[in-house]
Amino acid sequence: MARKKTKYKADGKTNDSRIQKQKEIEDILQMNGSNPFGAESEDDLKEKLSEMSMIDLQNLAMKANVFPSGSRSTLKNKLIKAYKARSQGKGMSRALITEPVVDPSSKNAKRALEILNS
């Protein structure tokens, strides 16, 4: 008996129920991932960097865990490289979580479980 293959297509829709569930859980658990770069795309970052002073670039580098040394162009390139690595999940040190993000007996934890199990 042949198995039916499921085809997934990217349609650009953001109202998928899985995405909605993920957003609800992130809101409940207050897991709004912080982006030290403050940019949604590489182009946005490049535009933002072009408007920054050297001191602003150094401050951003420190927030993004990039050593703030070198000339203006060197620092911009370091920040862009760090942004690319972060957006691709490379070179990021992940914190070891040793305790639950939320108290398992709390109202928020129960709501998150309801969403996950629905």
C-alpha atoms as a PDB file:
ATOM      1  CA  MET A   1       0.000   0.000   0.000  1.00  0.00           C
ATOM      2  CA  ALA A   2       1.495   3.339  -1.053  1.00  0.00           C
ATOM      3  CA  ARG A   3       1.673   6.160   1.427  1.00  0.00           C
ATOM      4  CA  LYS A   4       0.279   9.516   0.521  1.00  0.00           C
ATOM      5  CA  LYS A   5       2.855  12.285   0.593  1.00  0.00           C
ATOM      6  CA  THR A   6       1.862  15.486   2.283  1.00  0.00           C
ATOM      7  CA  LYS A   7       2.900  18.595   0.417  1.00  0.00           C
ATOM      8  CA  TYR A   8       3.485  21.827   2.232  1.00  0.00           C
ATOM      9  CA  LYS A   9       3.460  25.088   0.366  1.00  0.00           C
ATOM     10  CA  ALA A  10       4.549  28.491   1.551  1.00  0.00           C
ATOM     11  CA  ASP A  11       1.551  30.724   1.058  1.00  0.00           C
ATOM     12  CA  GLY A  12       2.587  33.723   3.159  1.00  0.00           C
ATOM     13  CA  LYS A  13      -0.399  33.355   5.460  1.00  0.00           C
ATOM     14  CA  THR A  14       0.234  34.251   9.064  1.00  0.00           C
ATOM     15  CA  ASN A  15      -3.131  33.211  10.456  1.00  0.00           C
ATOM     16  CA  ASP A  16      -2.165  29.544  10.704  1.00  0.00           C
ATOM     17  CA  SER A  17      -3.442  28.023  13.952  1.00  0.00           C
ATOM     18  CA  ARG A  18       0.044  26.723  14.822  1.00  0.00           C
ATOM     19  CA  ILE A  19       1.478  30.223  14.600  1.00  0.00           C
ATOM     20  CA  GLN A  20      -1.355  31.589  16.713  1.00  0.00           C
ATOM     21  CA  LYS A  21      -0.718  28.919  19.358  1.00  0.00           C
ATOM     22  CA  GLN A  22       2.979  29.755  19.384  1.00  0.00           C
ATOM     23  CA  LYS A  23       2.261  33.468  19.832  1.00  0.00           C
ATOM     24  CA  GLU A  24      -0.187  32.772  22.659  1.00  0.00           C
ATOM     25  CA  ILE A  25       2.322  30.566  24.480  1.00  0.00           C
ATOM     26  CA  GLU A  26       5.095  33.136  24.042  1.00  0.00           C
ATOM     27  CA  ASP A  27       2.811  35.823  25.473  1.00  0.00           C
ATOM     28  CA  ILE A  28       1.769  33.654  28.413  1.00  0.00           C
ATOM     29  CA  LEU A  29       5.314  32.609  29.252  1.00  0.00           C
ATOM     30  CA  GLN A  30       6.650  36.078  28.448  1.00  0.00           C
ATOM     31  CA  MET A  31       9.171  34.654  26.010  1.00  0.00           C
ATOM     32  CA  ASN A  32       9.425  37.596  23.652  1.00  0.00           C
ATOM     33  CA  GLY A  33      12.963  36.848  22.433  1.00  0.00           C
ATOM     34  CA  SER A  34      15.125  39.877  22.735  1.00  0.00           C
ATOM     35  CA  ASN A  35      16.889  41.032  19.606  1.00  0.00           C
ATOM     36  CA  PRO A  36      19.807  43.269  20.602  1.00  0.00           C
ATOM     37  CA  PHE A  37      20.110  44.539  17.020  1.00  0.00           C
ATOM     38  CA  GLY A  38      16.596  45.982  16.911  1.00  0.00           C
ATOM     39  CA  ALA A  39      16.224  45.011  13.257  1.00  0.00           C
ATOM     40  CA  GLU A  40      13.938  42.544  11.538  1.00  0.00           C
ATOM     41  CA  SER A  41      16.116  42.005   8.458  1.00  0.00           C
ATOM     42  CA  GLU A  42      19.687  42.444   7.329  1.00  0.00           C
ATOM     43  CA  ASP A  43      18.670  45.406   5.160  1.00  0.00           C
ATOM     44  CA  ASP A  44      17.032  47.089   8.155  1.00  0.00           C
ATOM     45  CA  LEU A  45      20.192  46.535  10.163  1.00  0.00           C
ATOM     46  CA  LYS A  46      22.428  47.991   7.450  1.00  0.00           C
ATOM     47  CA  GLU A  47      20.210  51.077   7.233  1.00  0.00           C
ATOM     48  CA  LYS A  48      20.219  51.454  11.008  1.00  0.00           C
ATOM     49  CA  LEU A  49      24.016  51.070  11.184  1.00  0.00           C
ATOM     50  CA  SER A  50      24.574  53.694   8.492  1.00  0.00           C
ATOM     51  CA  GLU A  51      22.750  56.263  10.647  1.00  0.00           C
ATOM     52  CA  MET A  52      24.653  55.475  13.864  1.00  0.00           C
ATOM     53  CA  SER A  53      27.630  57.284  15.308  1.00  0.00           C
ATOM     54  CA  MET A  54      30.753  55.382  16.339  1.00  0.00           C
ATOM     55  CA  ILE A  55      29.699  55.485  19.999  1.00  0.00           C
ATOM     56  CA  ASP A  56      26.260  54.110  19.103  1.00  0.00           C
ATOM     57  CA  LEU A  57      27.905  51.319  17.100  1.00  0.00           C
ATOM     58  CA  GLN A  58      30.114  50.456  20.067  1.00  0.00           C
ATOM     59  CA  ASN A  59      27.131  50.411  22.434  1.00  0.00           C
ATOM     60  CA  LEU A  60      25.195  48.152  20.067  1.00  0.00           C
ATOM     61  CA  ALA A  61      28.217  45.870  19.760  1.00  0.00           C
ATOM     62  CA  MET A  62      28.408  45.518  23.534  1.00  0.00           C
ATOM     63  CA  LYS A  63      24.681  44.658  23.716  1.00  0.00           C
ATOM     64  CA  ALA A  64      25.159  42.041  20.978  1.00  0.00           C
ATOM     65  CA  ASN A  65      28.247  40.521  22.652  1.00  0.00           C
ATOM     66  CA  VAL A  66      30.570  41.723  19.904  1.00  0.00           C
ATOM     67  CA  PHE A  67      33.942  43.175  20.890  1.00  0.00           C
ATOM     68  CA  PRO A  68      33.619  46.907  20.043  1.00  0.00           C
ATOM     69  CA  SER A  69      37.007  47.479  18.422  1.00  0.00           C
ATOM     70  CA  GLY A  70      38.269  48.629  15.058  1.00  0.00           C
ATOM     71  CA  SER A  71      37.244  51.322  12.629  1.00  0.00           C
ATOM     72  CA  ARG A  72      33.673  52.260  11.833  1.00  0.00           C
ATOM     73  CA  SER A  73      33.511  49.987   8.778  1.00  0.00           C
ATOM     74  CA  THR A  74      35.151  47.094  10.651  1.00  0.00           C
ATOM     75  CA  LEU A  75      32.655  47.398  13.472  1.00  0.00           C
ATOM     76  CA  LYS A  76      29.716  47.541  11.026  1.00  0.00           C
ATOM     77  CA  ASN A  77      30.980  44.365   9.356  1.00  0.00           C
ATOM     78  CA  LYS A  78      31.351  42.646  12.739  1.00  0.00           C
ATOM     79  CA  LEU A  79      27.790  43.579  13.667  1.00  0.00           C
ATOM     80  CA  ILE A  80      26.389  42.386  10.336  1.00  0.00           C
ATOM     81  CA  LYS A  81      28.290  39.120  10.684  1.00  0.00           C
ATOM     82  CA  ALA A  82      26.967  38.671  14.238  1.00  0.00           C
ATOM     83  CA  TYR A  83      23.421  39.423  13.049  1.00  0.00           C
ATOM     84  CA  LYS A  84      23.693  36.801  10.303  1.00  0.00           C
ATOM     85  CA  ALA A  85      25.064  34.240  12.751  1.00  0.00           C
ATOM     86  CA  ARG A  86      22.279  34.992  15.223  1.00  0.00           C
ATOM     87  CA  SER A  87      19.519  34.824  12.623  1.00  0.00           C
ATOM     88  CA  GLN A  88      20.860  31.480  11.369  1.00  0.00           C
ATOM     89  CA  GLY A  89      21.307  30.135  14.888  1.00  0.00           C
ATOM     90  CA  LYS A  90      25.089  29.865  14.629  1.00  0.00           C
ATOM     91  CA  GLY A  91      27.601  31.105  17.112  1.00  0.00           C
ATOM     92  CA  MET A  92      25.041  31.766  19.786  1.00  0.00           C
ATOM     93  CA  SER A  93      25.745  30.660  23.276  1.00  0.00           C
ATOM     94  CA  ARG A  94      22.586  29.265  24.732  1.00  0.00           C
ATOM     95  CA  ALA A  95      21.941  29.545  28.432  1.00  0.00           C
ATOM     96  CA  LEU A  96      21.464  26.286  30.263  1.00  0.00           C
ATOM     97  CA  ILE A  97      18.028  26.402  31.859  1.00  0.00           C
ATOM     98  CA  THR A  98      18.108  24.716  35.235  1.00  0.00           C
ATOM     99  CA  GLU A  99      14.669  25.681  36.434  1.00  0.00           C
ATOM    100  CA  PRO A 100      11.243  25.972  34.790  1.00  0.00           C
ATOM    101  CA  VAL A 101      10.490  29.138  32.852  1.00  0.00           C
ATOM    102  CA  VAL A 102       7.195  29.428  34.691  1.00  0.00           C
ATOM    103  CA  ASP A 103       5.893  27.899  37.923  1.00  0.00           C
ATOM    104  CA  PRO A 104       4.235  24.586  36.875  1.00  0.00           C
ATOM    105  CA  SER A 105       1.335  25.136  39.279  1.00  0.00           C
ATOM    106  CA  SER A 106       0.585  28.672  38.081  1.00  0.00           C
ATOM    107  CA  LYS A 107      -2.373  29.804  36.016  1.00  0.00           C
ATOM    108  CA  ASN A 108      -0.091  30.688  33.079  1.00  0.00           C
ATOM    109  CA  ALA A 109       1.474  27.208  33.005  1.00  0.00           C
ATOM    110  CA  LYS A 110      -1.945  25.566  32.986  1.00  0.00           C
ATOM    111  CA  ARG A 111      -3.097  27.866  30.166  1.00  0.00           C
ATOM    112  CA  ALA A 112       0.040  27.083  28.130  1.00  0.00           C
ATOM    113  CA  LEU A 113      -0.546  23.349  28.554  1.00  0.00           C
ATOM    114  CA  GLU A 114      -4.165  23.755  27.450  1.00  0.00           C
ATOM    115  CA  ILE A 115      -2.996  25.482  24.282  1.00  0.00           C
ATOM    116  CA  LEU A 116      -0.325  22.866  23.581  1.00  0.00           C
ATOM    117  CA  ASN A 117      -2.734  19.987  24.129  1.00  0.00           C
ATOM    118  CA  SER A 118      -5.537  21.442  22.019  1.00  0.00           C
END
